[in-house]
Amino acid sequence: MNDIRKLNNQAIIVICGVKNSGKTTLITKLIPKFTSLGYKVATIKHDGHDFEADVEGTDSYKHKKAGAYGTAVFSKNKFMVVKEQKETDESQLIELFPEADLIFLEGFKNSSYPKIEIIRENNSSKSVCNKDNLIAIASDINIENNIDDLDINNKIIDLNNIDEIAEAIIQYIDGK
């Protein structure tokens, strides 16, 4: 997997594109595909804006609103931590998933992680990501009529062909 493979043998794959390109939709289709193949999958999403991480009315929400800089909730099977911290980056969050075989990062179009970029008709017309380690473009644009407009030299996969997108990712991970 080139220079991006982590010491704990994880694959980190970015799904990127412009706003409303379908990043979350693609990830939610890829997760069951990879879990059915035996991968343990985690996801990390970058939000360019601040966000509310807790549901209004819950105890942890009330604790946070009362001034706690962090809250944690846990049960027998899961936990959630909300913590105010400046300059958090994805590498800190990747460390929270040591048992994951595959981590999808949503966003991160300017990173050097291996990536699939989404280019959708009526949403975007050209590649906007850092081309380092670009595995493929996933698109629903009629490529024969629009290839010059895309200004790319990468493999183009039908955005609706989850099997082909998954295969491109697997081939990249396996170094083929």
N, C-alpha and C. Protein backbone atom coordinates (compact mmCIF):
# COMPACT_ATOMS: atom_id res chain seq x y z
N MET A 1 0.83 -1.19 0.00
CA MET A 1 0.00 0.00 0.00
C MET A 1 0.87 1.25 0.00
N ASN A 2 1.97 1.17 -0.67
CA ASN A 2 2.90 2.29 -0.77
C ASN A 2 3.34 2.77 0.61
N ASP A 3 3.50 4.06 0.79
CA ASP A 3 4.01 4.62 2.03
C ASP A 3 2.91 4.98 3.03
N ILE A 4 1.67 4.62 2.75
CA ILE A 4 0.57 5.05 3.61
C ILE A 4 0.17 3.97 4.62
N ARG A 5 0.63 2.75 4.45
CA ARG A 5 0.25 1.67 5.37
C ARG A 5 0.78 1.99 6.76
N LYS A 6 -0.09 1.86 7.75
CA LYS A 6 0.29 2.14 9.12
C LYS A 6 1.03 0.95 9.72
N LEU A 7 1.76 1.16 10.78
CA LEU A 7 2.52 0.09 11.43
C LEU A 7 1.61 -1.04 11.90
N ASN A 8 0.39 -0.72 12.27
CA ASN A 8 -0.52 -1.76 12.74
C ASN A 8 -1.32 -2.37 11.59
N ASN A 9 -0.82 -2.20 10.36
CA ASN A 9 -1.38 -2.86 9.18
C ASN A 9 -2.77 -2.34 8.79
N GLN A 10 -3.05 -1.10 9.07
CA GLN A 10 -4.33 -0.51 8.69
C GLN A 10 -4.25 0.11 7.31
N ALA A 11 -5.37 0.09 6.63
CA ALA A 11 -5.49 0.83 5.38
C ALA A 11 -6.31 2.08 5.68
N ILE A 12 -5.80 3.22 5.27
CA ILE A 12 -6.49 4.50 5.43
C ILE A 12 -6.86 4.96 4.03
N ILE A 13 -8.16 5.13 3.77
CA ILE A 13 -8.63 5.54 2.45
C ILE A 13 -9.53 6.76 2.61
N VAL A 14 -9.24 7.79 1.84
CA VAL A 14 -10.05 9.01 1.85
C VAL A 14 -11.14 8.90 0.78
N ILE A 15 -12.34 9.31 1.14
CA ILE A 15 -13.42 9.51 0.18
C ILE A 15 -13.65 11.02 0.16
N CYS A 16 -13.37 11.66 -0.98
CA CYS A 16 -13.44 13.12 -1.02
C CYS A 16 -14.23 13.60 -2.24
N GLY A 17 -14.50 14.87 -2.25
CA GLY A 17 -15.23 15.53 -3.32
C GLY A 17 -15.74 16.85 -2.80
N VAL A 18 -16.35 17.61 -3.68
CA VAL A 18 -16.90 18.90 -3.26
C VAL A 18 -18.12 18.66 -2.37
N LYS A 19 -18.60 19.72 -1.75
CA LYS A 19 -19.78 19.63 -0.89
C LYS A 19 -20.96 19.02 -1.67
N ASN A 20 -21.69 18.15 -1.02
CA ASN A 20 -22.87 17.49 -1.58
C ASN A 20 -22.56 16.59 -2.77
N SER A 21 -21.34 16.08 -2.83
CA SER A 21 -20.99 15.18 -3.93
C SER A 21 -21.41 13.74 -3.67
N GLY A 22 -21.74 13.41 -2.43
CA GLY A 22 -22.16 12.05 -2.12
C GLY A 22 -21.14 11.25 -1.34
N LYS A 23 -20.26 11.92 -0.62
CA LYS A 23 -19.21 11.24 0.14
C LYS A 23 -19.81 10.31 1.19
N THR A 24 -20.73 10.81 1.99
CA THR A 24 -21.35 9.99 3.04
C THR A 24 -22.11 8.84 2.42
N THR A 25 -22.84 9.09 1.36
CA THR A 25 -23.61 8.03 0.69
C THR A 25 -22.68 6.93 0.20
N LEU A 26 -21.56 7.30 -0.42
CA LEU A 26 -20.63 6.29 -0.91
C LEU A 26 -20.04 5.49 0.26
N ILE A 27 -19.64 6.17 1.32
CA ILE A 27 -19.07 5.47 2.47
C ILE A 27 -20.09 4.49 3.06
N THR A 28 -21.35 4.91 3.16
CA THR A 28 -22.36 4.02 3.75
C THR A 28 -22.66 2.83 2.85
N LYS A 29 -22.29 2.91 1.58
CA LYS A 29 -22.41 1.75 0.69
C LYS A 29 -21.15 0.87 0.75
N LEU A 30 -20.00 1.49 0.96
CA LEU A 30 -18.75 0.74 1.03
C LEU A 30 -18.59 -0.03 2.35
N ILE A 31 -19.09 0.54 3.44
CA ILE A 31 -18.93 -0.12 4.75
C ILE A 31 -19.50 -1.54 4.74
N PRO A 32 -20.78 -1.76 4.34
CA PRO A 32 -21.28 -3.14 4.36
C PRO A 32 -20.54 -4.05 3.38
N LYS A 33 -20.07 -3.49 2.27
CA LYS A 33 -19.30 -4.29 1.30
C LYS A 33 -18.03 -4.82 1.95
N PHE A 34 -17.29 -3.93 2.61
CA PHE A 34 -16.04 -4.35 3.23
C PHE A 34 -16.26 -5.20 4.47
N THR A 35 -17.28 -4.90 5.26
CA THR A 35 -17.54 -5.75 6.43
C THR A 35 -17.95 -7.16 6.00
N SER A 36 -18.65 -7.27 4.88
CA SER A 36 -19.02 -8.60 4.38
C SER A 36 -17.80 -9.38 3.89
N LEU A 37 -16.73 -8.67 3.57
CA LEU A 37 -15.48 -9.30 3.15
C LEU A 37 -14.56 -9.59 4.34
N GLY A 38 -15.03 -9.28 5.54
CA GLY A 38 -14.27 -9.58 6.75
C GLY A 38 -13.43 -8.45 7.30
N TYR A 39 -13.52 -7.27 6.71
CA TYR A 39 -12.77 -6.11 7.21
C TYR A 39 -13.47 -5.52 8.42
N LYS A 40 -12.70 -5.08 9.39
CA LYS A 40 -13.24 -4.29 10.50
C LYS A 40 -13.04 -2.83 10.10
N VAL A 41 -14.16 -2.11 9.91
CA VAL A 41 -14.13 -0.78 9.30
C VAL A 41 -14.48 0.30 10.34
N ALA A 42 -13.74 1.39 10.30
CA ALA A 42 -14.04 2.58 11.10
C ALA A 42 -14.10 3.77 10.14
N THR A 43 -14.71 4.85 10.59
CA THR A 43 -14.78 6.06 9.78
C THR A 43 -14.42 7.28 10.62
N ILE A 44 -13.84 8.26 9.97
CA ILE A 44 -13.54 9.54 10.59
C ILE A 44 -13.96 10.62 9.60
N LYS A 45 -14.77 11.55 10.07
CA LYS A 45 -15.26 12.62 9.20
C LYS A 45 -14.73 13.95 9.70
N HIS A 46 -14.23 14.73 8.78
CA HIS A 46 -13.82 16.08 9.12
C HIS A 46 -15.00 17.01 8.89
N ASP A 47 -15.25 17.89 9.84
CA ASP A 47 -16.30 18.89 9.70
C ASP A 47 -15.64 20.25 9.74
N GLY A 48 -15.74 20.99 8.65
CA GLY A 48 -15.11 22.30 8.56
C GLY A 48 -15.73 23.33 9.48
N HIS A 49 -16.85 23.00 10.06
CA HIS A 49 -17.54 23.89 10.99
C HIS A 49 -17.52 23.21 12.35
N ASP A 50 -17.88 23.93 13.37
CA ASP A 50 -18.01 23.29 14.67
C ASP A 50 -19.32 22.51 14.66
N PHE A 51 -19.47 21.56 15.54
CA PHE A 51 -20.66 20.71 15.51
C PHE A 51 -21.10 20.40 16.93
N GLU A 52 -22.36 20.07 17.08
CA GLU A 52 -22.89 19.57 18.34
C GLU A 52 -22.78 18.06 18.32
N ALA A 53 -22.09 17.51 19.30
CA ALA A 53 -21.83 16.08 19.30
C ALA A 53 -22.78 15.29 20.19
N ASP A 54 -23.65 15.96 20.89
CA ASP A 54 -24.53 15.26 21.81
C ASP A 54 -25.97 15.66 21.54
N VAL A 55 -26.87 14.85 21.98
CA VAL A 55 -28.29 15.08 21.74
C VAL A 55 -28.87 15.92 22.88
N GLU A 56 -29.55 16.99 22.49
CA GLU A 56 -30.16 17.87 23.48
C GLU A 56 -31.07 17.08 24.40
N GLY A 57 -30.96 17.36 25.69
CA GLY A 57 -31.80 16.70 26.68
C GLY A 57 -31.11 15.56 27.40
N THR A 58 -30.03 15.01 26.83
CA THR A 58 -29.34 13.92 27.52
C THR A 58 -28.51 14.49 28.67
N ASP A 59 -28.14 13.63 29.60
CA ASP A 59 -27.34 14.08 30.74
C ASP A 59 -26.00 14.64 30.30
N SER A 60 -25.33 13.96 29.35
CA SER A 60 -24.02 14.45 28.92
C SER A 60 -24.14 15.80 28.22
N TYR A 61 -25.22 16.00 27.48
CA TYR A 61 -25.47 17.29 26.84
C TYR A 61 -25.61 18.37 27.92
N LYS A 62 -26.35 18.06 28.97
CA LYS A 62 -26.54 19.02 30.07
C LYS A 62 -25.21 19.31 30.76
N HIS A 63 -24.37 18.29 30.94
CA HIS A 63 -23.06 18.50 31.56
C HIS A 63 -22.22 19.45 30.71
N LYS A 64 -22.21 19.22 29.42
CA LYS A 64 -21.43 20.05 28.50
C LYS A 64 -21.94 21.49 28.50
N LYS A 65 -23.25 21.64 28.43
CA LYS A 65 -23.84 22.99 28.43
C LYS A 65 -23.61 23.71 29.75
N ALA A 66 -23.43 22.95 30.83
CA ALA A 66 -23.17 23.55 32.14
C ALA A 66 -21.73 24.03 32.28
N GLY A 67 -20.87 23.65 31.31
CA GLY A 67 -19.51 24.16 31.33
C GLY A 67 -18.40 23.13 31.35
N ALA A 68 -18.72 21.86 31.38
CA ALA A 68 -17.66 20.85 31.35
C ALA A 68 -16.92 20.94 30.01
N TYR A 69 -15.59 20.88 30.04
CA TYR A 69 -14.85 20.93 28.77
C TYR A 69 -14.88 19.59 28.07
N GLY A 70 -15.28 18.54 28.79
CA GLY A 70 -15.37 17.22 28.18
C GLY A 70 -16.38 16.36 28.91
N THR A 71 -16.97 15.45 28.18
CA THR A 71 -17.88 14.48 28.79
C THR A 71 -17.63 13.12 28.15
N ALA A 72 -17.94 12.08 28.90
CA ALA A 72 -17.83 10.73 28.37
C ALA A 72 -19.04 9.93 28.84
N VAL A 73 -19.54 9.11 27.96
CA VAL A 73 -20.64 8.22 28.26
C VAL A 73 -20.19 6.83 27.82
N PHE A 74 -20.44 5.82 28.64
CA PHE A 74 -20.07 4.48 28.22
C PHE A 74 -21.08 3.47 28.73
N SER A 75 -21.11 2.36 28.06
CA SER A 75 -21.94 1.22 28.47
C SER A 75 -21.09 -0.03 28.30
N LYS A 76 -21.69 -1.16 28.43
CA LYS A 76 -20.96 -2.42 28.29
C LYS A 76 -20.32 -2.57 26.92
N ASN A 77 -20.94 -2.01 25.87
CA ASN A 77 -20.52 -2.28 24.50
C ASN A 77 -19.96 -1.10 23.72
N LYS A 78 -20.03 0.13 24.25
CA LYS A 78 -19.54 1.27 23.48
C LYS A 78 -19.29 2.46 24.39
N PHE A 79 -18.59 3.45 23.84
CA PHE A 79 -18.38 4.70 24.57
C PHE A 79 -18.36 5.86 23.61
N MET A 80 -18.58 7.05 24.15
CA MET A 80 -18.53 8.28 23.38
C MET A 80 -17.84 9.33 24.24
N VAL A 81 -16.90 10.04 23.65
CA VAL A 81 -16.20 11.11 24.35
C VAL A 81 -16.36 12.39 23.54
N VAL A 82 -16.72 13.45 24.20
CA VAL A 82 -16.76 14.78 23.59
C VAL A 82 -15.80 15.63 24.41
N LYS A 83 -14.80 16.17 23.72
CA LYS A 83 -13.76 16.92 24.43
C LYS A 83 -13.38 18.15 23.62
N GLU A 84 -13.38 19.31 24.27
CA GLU A 84 -12.90 20.54 23.64
C GLU A 84 -11.38 20.45 23.57
N GLN A 85 -10.84 20.56 22.36
CA GLN A 85 -9.39 20.48 22.18
C GLN A 85 -9.02 21.21 20.90
N LYS A 86 -8.09 22.13 20.99
CA LYS A 86 -7.63 22.86 19.81
C LYS A 86 -6.73 21.97 18.97
N GLU A 87 -6.80 22.18 17.65
CA GLU A 87 -5.90 21.54 16.70
C GLU A 87 -5.93 20.01 16.71
N THR A 88 -7.09 19.43 16.88
CA THR A 88 -7.22 17.99 16.73
C THR A 88 -7.03 17.64 15.27
N ASP A 89 -6.34 16.54 14.99
CA ASP A 89 -6.21 16.10 13.61
C ASP A 89 -6.54 14.61 13.51
N GLU A 90 -6.64 14.14 12.27
CA GLU A 90 -7.08 12.76 12.04
C GLU A 90 -6.12 11.74 12.60
N SER A 91 -4.83 12.04 12.69
CA SER A 91 -3.88 11.05 13.21
C SER A 91 -4.17 10.70 14.66
N GLN A 92 -4.62 11.68 15.44
CA GLN A 92 -5.00 11.41 16.83
C GLN A 92 -6.23 10.50 16.87
N LEU A 93 -7.14 10.69 15.94
CA LEU A 93 -8.37 9.88 15.93
C LEU A 93 -8.11 8.48 15.37
N ILE A 94 -7.22 8.38 14.41
CA ILE A 94 -6.86 7.07 13.87
C ILE A 94 -6.36 6.16 14.99
N GLU A 95 -5.61 6.73 15.91
CA GLU A 95 -5.08 5.96 17.04
C GLU A 95 -6.18 5.37 17.92
N LEU A 96 -7.39 5.92 17.87
CA LEU A 96 -8.50 5.39 18.66
C LEU A 96 -9.07 4.09 18.08
N PHE A 97 -8.63 3.71 16.88
CA PHE A 97 -9.16 2.53 16.22
C PHE A 97 -8.04 1.54 15.87
N PRO A 98 -7.27 1.09 16.85
CA PRO A 98 -6.13 0.22 16.55
C PRO A 98 -6.54 -1.14 15.96
N GLU A 99 -7.75 -1.57 16.23
CA GLU A 99 -8.19 -2.88 15.74
C GLU A 99 -8.83 -2.80 14.35
N ALA A 100 -8.98 -1.61 13.79
CA ALA A 100 -9.60 -1.47 12.46
C ALA A 100 -8.63 -1.92 11.37
N ASP A 101 -9.16 -2.66 10.41
CA ASP A 101 -8.38 -3.03 9.23
C ASP A 101 -8.39 -1.91 8.19
N LEU A 102 -9.51 -1.19 8.16
CA LEU A 102 -9.73 -0.17 7.15
C LEU A 102 -10.42 1.02 7.80
N ILE A 103 -9.87 2.20 7.57
CA ILE A 103 -10.48 3.43 8.08
C ILE A 103 -10.76 4.33 6.89
N PHE A 104 -12.03 4.68 6.73
CA PHE A 104 -12.41 5.66 5.71
C PHE A 104 -12.37 7.04 6.34
N LEU A 105 -11.67 7.96 5.70
CA LEU A 105 -11.68 9.36 6.10
C LEU A 105 -12.58 10.09 5.12
N GLU A 106 -13.56 10.82 5.63
CA GLU A 106 -14.45 11.58 4.76
C GLU A 106 -13.99 13.02 4.72
N GLY A 107 -13.75 13.51 3.51
CA GLY A 107 -13.20 14.86 3.34
C GLY A 107 -11.73 14.74 2.98
N PHE A 108 -10.88 15.51 3.61
CA PHE A 108 -9.42 15.40 3.49
C PHE A 108 -8.93 15.43 2.04
N LYS A 109 -9.59 16.21 1.19
CA LYS A 109 -9.23 16.23 -0.23
C LYS A 109 -7.82 16.75 -0.50
N ASN A 110 -7.25 17.49 0.43
CA ASN A 110 -5.90 18.02 0.22
C ASN A 110 -4.82 17.18 0.90
N SER A 111 -5.21 16.06 1.47
CA SER A 111 -4.25 15.20 2.15
C SER A 111 -3.46 14.35 1.16
N SER A 112 -2.44 13.68 1.66
CA SER A 112 -1.67 12.76 0.82
C SER A 112 -2.10 11.31 1.02
N TYR A 113 -3.17 11.09 1.79
CA TYR A 113 -3.69 9.72 1.95
C TYR A 113 -4.22 9.22 0.60
N PRO A 114 -4.23 7.91 0.40
CA PRO A 114 -4.84 7.39 -0.82
C PRO A 114 -6.32 7.74 -0.84
N LYS A 115 -6.83 8.07 -2.04
CA LYS A 115 -8.20 8.59 -2.06
C LYS A 115 -8.98 8.19 -3.30
N ILE A 116 -10.28 8.17 -3.11
CA ILE A 116 -11.27 8.07 -4.19
C ILE A 116 -11.97 9.43 -4.20
N GLU A 117 -11.95 10.10 -5.34
CA GLU A 117 -12.65 11.39 -5.43
C GLU A 117 -13.94 11.21 -6.19
N ILE A 118 -14.99 11.81 -5.68
CA ILE A 118 -16.30 11.76 -6.33
C ILE A 118 -16.49 13.02 -7.17
N ILE A 119 -16.85 12.80 -8.43
CA ILE A 119 -17.23 13.91 -9.32
C ILE A 119 -18.60 13.55 -9.86
N ARG A 120 -19.61 14.34 -9.49
CA ARG A 120 -21.00 14.05 -9.85
C ARG A 120 -21.55 15.08 -10.80
N GLU A 121 -22.34 14.57 -11.74
CA GLU A 121 -23.02 15.43 -12.70
C GLU A 121 -23.88 16.45 -11.95
N ASN A 122 -23.88 17.68 -12.44
CA ASN A 122 -24.64 18.80 -11.86
C ASN A 122 -24.16 19.18 -10.46
N ASN A 123 -22.99 18.67 -10.04
CA ASN A 123 -22.44 19.03 -8.74
C ASN A 123 -21.00 19.50 -8.87
N SER A 124 -20.22 18.80 -9.67
CA SER A 124 -18.83 19.18 -9.89
C SER A 124 -18.44 18.73 -11.30
N SER A 125 -17.46 19.38 -11.86
CA SER A 125 -17.09 19.03 -13.23
C SER A 125 -15.60 18.76 -13.39
N LYS A 126 -14.83 18.95 -12.31
CA LYS A 126 -13.41 18.68 -12.41
C LYS A 126 -12.88 18.21 -11.07
N SER A 127 -11.72 17.59 -11.13
CA SER A 127 -11.07 17.09 -9.92
C SER A 127 -10.56 18.28 -9.11
N VAL A 128 -10.81 18.26 -7.80
CA VAL A 128 -10.37 19.35 -6.93
C VAL A 128 -9.43 18.88 -5.83
N CYS A 129 -9.11 17.59 -5.82
CA CYS A 129 -8.30 17.06 -4.72
C CYS A 129 -6.80 17.09 -5.04
N ASN A 130 -6.02 16.93 -4.00
CA ASN A 130 -4.58 16.72 -4.14
C ASN A 130 -4.41 15.39 -4.86
N LYS A 131 -3.67 15.38 -5.96
CA LYS A 131 -3.57 14.17 -6.79
C LYS A 131 -2.62 13.11 -6.22
N ASP A 132 -1.90 13.42 -5.13
CA ASP A 132 -1.05 12.41 -4.50
C ASP A 132 -1.91 11.22 -4.10
N ASN A 133 -1.52 10.05 -4.54
CA ASN A 133 -2.20 8.81 -4.17
C ASN A 133 -3.67 8.76 -4.54
N LEU A 134 -4.04 9.41 -5.62
CA LEU A 134 -5.43 9.34 -6.10
C LEU A 134 -5.61 7.97 -6.74
N ILE A 135 -6.44 7.14 -6.13
CA ILE A 135 -6.69 5.78 -6.61
C ILE A 135 -7.56 5.82 -7.86
N ALA A 136 -8.65 6.57 -7.78
CA ALA A 136 -9.59 6.64 -8.89
C ALA A 136 -10.56 7.78 -8.67
N ILE A 137 -11.26 8.10 -9.75
CA ILE A 137 -12.39 9.03 -9.71
C ILE A 137 -13.65 8.18 -9.80
N ALA A 138 -14.59 8.41 -8.88
CA ALA A 138 -15.90 7.76 -8.95
C ALA A 138 -16.87 8.81 -9.48
N SER A 139 -17.49 8.53 -10.63
CA SER A 139 -18.30 9.55 -11.28
C SER A 139 -19.52 8.96 -11.96
N ASP A 140 -20.55 9.79 -12.08
CA ASP A 140 -21.74 9.41 -12.86
C ASP A 140 -21.83 10.24 -14.14
N ILE A 141 -20.76 10.95 -14.46
CA ILE A 141 -20.73 11.77 -15.67
C ILE A 141 -20.43 10.88 -16.87
N ASN A 142 -21.07 11.16 -18.00
CA ASN A 142 -20.79 10.43 -19.22
C ASN A 142 -19.38 10.81 -19.65
N ILE A 143 -18.45 9.92 -19.35
CA ILE A 143 -17.03 10.21 -19.54
C ILE A 143 -16.68 10.49 -21.00
N GLU A 144 -17.28 9.75 -21.93
CA GLU A 144 -16.95 9.94 -23.34
C GLU A 144 -17.19 11.36 -23.80
N ASN A 145 -18.23 12.01 -23.27
CA ASN A 145 -18.56 13.36 -23.68
C ASN A 145 -17.87 14.43 -22.85
N ASN A 146 -17.34 14.06 -21.69
CA ASN A 146 -16.85 15.07 -20.76
C ASN A 146 -15.41 14.88 -20.31
N ILE A 147 -14.68 13.96 -20.89
CA ILE A 147 -13.34 13.67 -20.40
C ILE A 147 -12.43 14.89 -20.42
N ASP A 148 -12.52 15.74 -21.42
CA ASP A 148 -11.67 16.93 -21.46
C ASP A 148 -12.00 17.90 -20.34
N ASP A 149 -13.27 17.96 -19.98
CA ASP A 149 -13.69 18.87 -18.92
C ASP A 149 -13.18 18.43 -17.55
N LEU A 150 -12.95 17.12 -17.37
CA LEU A 150 -12.53 16.63 -16.06
C LEU A 150 -11.07 16.90 -15.76
N ASP A 151 -10.22 17.02 -16.80
CA ASP A 151 -8.82 17.35 -16.60
C ASP A 151 -8.15 16.39 -15.61
N ILE A 152 -8.31 15.09 -15.84
CA ILE A 152 -7.71 14.08 -14.97
C ILE A 152 -7.06 13.00 -15.81
N ASN A 153 -6.16 12.29 -15.20
CA ASN A 153 -5.48 11.18 -15.85
C ASN A 153 -5.57 9.93 -15.00
N ASN A 154 -6.63 9.76 -14.27
CA ASN A 154 -6.78 8.62 -13.39
C ASN A 154 -7.89 7.69 -13.85
N LYS A 155 -7.90 6.52 -13.24
CA LYS A 155 -8.94 5.55 -13.50
C LYS A 155 -10.29 6.16 -13.12
N ILE A 156 -11.28 5.97 -13.99
CA ILE A 156 -12.62 6.49 -13.72
C ILE A 156 -13.55 5.30 -13.54
N ILE A 157 -14.27 5.30 -12.43
CA ILE A 157 -15.18 4.22 -12.08
C ILE A 157 -16.59 4.77 -11.99
N ASP A 158 -17.54 3.96 -12.41
CA ASP A 158 -18.95 4.34 -12.28
C ASP A 158 -19.27 4.49 -10.80
N LEU A 159 -19.73 5.67 -10.41
CA LEU A 159 -20.06 5.98 -9.03
C LEU A 159 -21.07 4.99 -8.44
N ASN A 160 -21.92 4.42 -9.28
CA ASN A 160 -22.96 3.51 -8.80
C ASN A 160 -22.50 2.05 -8.78
N ASN A 161 -21.25 1.78 -9.16
CA ASN A 161 -20.74 0.41 -9.16
C ASN A 161 -19.87 0.19 -7.92
N ILE A 162 -20.52 -0.12 -6.80
CA ILE A 162 -19.83 -0.28 -5.52
C ILE A 162 -18.80 -1.40 -5.58
N ASP A 163 -19.12 -2.49 -6.29
CA ASP A 163 -18.17 -3.60 -6.40
C ASP A 163 -16.88 -3.16 -7.07
N GLU A 164 -16.98 -2.37 -8.14
CA GLU A 164 -15.79 -1.91 -8.85
C GLU A 164 -14.98 -0.92 -8.01
N ILE A 165 -15.67 -0.06 -7.27
CA ILE A 165 -14.97 0.88 -6.38
C ILE A 165 -14.24 0.11 -5.29
N ALA A 166 -14.94 -0.87 -4.69
CA ALA A 166 -14.31 -1.69 -3.64
C ALA A 166 -13.11 -2.45 -4.20
N GLU A 167 -13.23 -2.98 -5.41
CA GLU A 167 -12.12 -3.71 -6.02
C GLU A 167 -10.92 -2.79 -6.26
N ALA A 168 -11.15 -1.56 -6.66
CA ALA A 168 -10.05 -0.60 -6.86
C ALA A 168 -9.34 -0.33 -5.53
N ILE A 169 -10.11 -0.23 -4.46
CA ILE A 169 -9.53 0.00 -3.14
C ILE A 169 -8.72 -1.22 -2.70
N ILE A 170 -9.28 -2.40 -2.88
CA ILE A 170 -8.58 -3.64 -2.51
C ILE A 170 -7.29 -3.79 -3.31
N GLN A 171 -7.34 -3.51 -4.59
CA GLN A 171 -6.12 -3.61 -5.42
C GLN A 171 -5.07 -2.62 -4.94
N TYR A 172 -5.50 -1.44 -4.56
CA TYR A 172 -4.55 -0.45 -4.04
C TYR A 172 -3.93 -0.95 -2.73
N ILE A 173 -4.78 -1.44 -1.83
CA ILE A 173 -4.29 -1.95 -0.54
C ILE A 173 -3.30 -3.08 -0.76
N ASP A 174 -3.61 -3.98 -1.68
CA ASP A 174 -2.75 -5.12 -1.96
C ASP A 174 -1.52 -4.76 -2.78
N GLY A 175 -1.46 -3.51 -3.24
CA GLY A 175 -0.29 -3.04 -3.97
C GLY A 175 -0.24 -3.48 -5.42
N LYS A 176 -1.39 -3.79 -5.99
CA LYS A 176 -1.44 -4.26 -7.39
C LYS A 176 -1.59 -3.11 -8.35
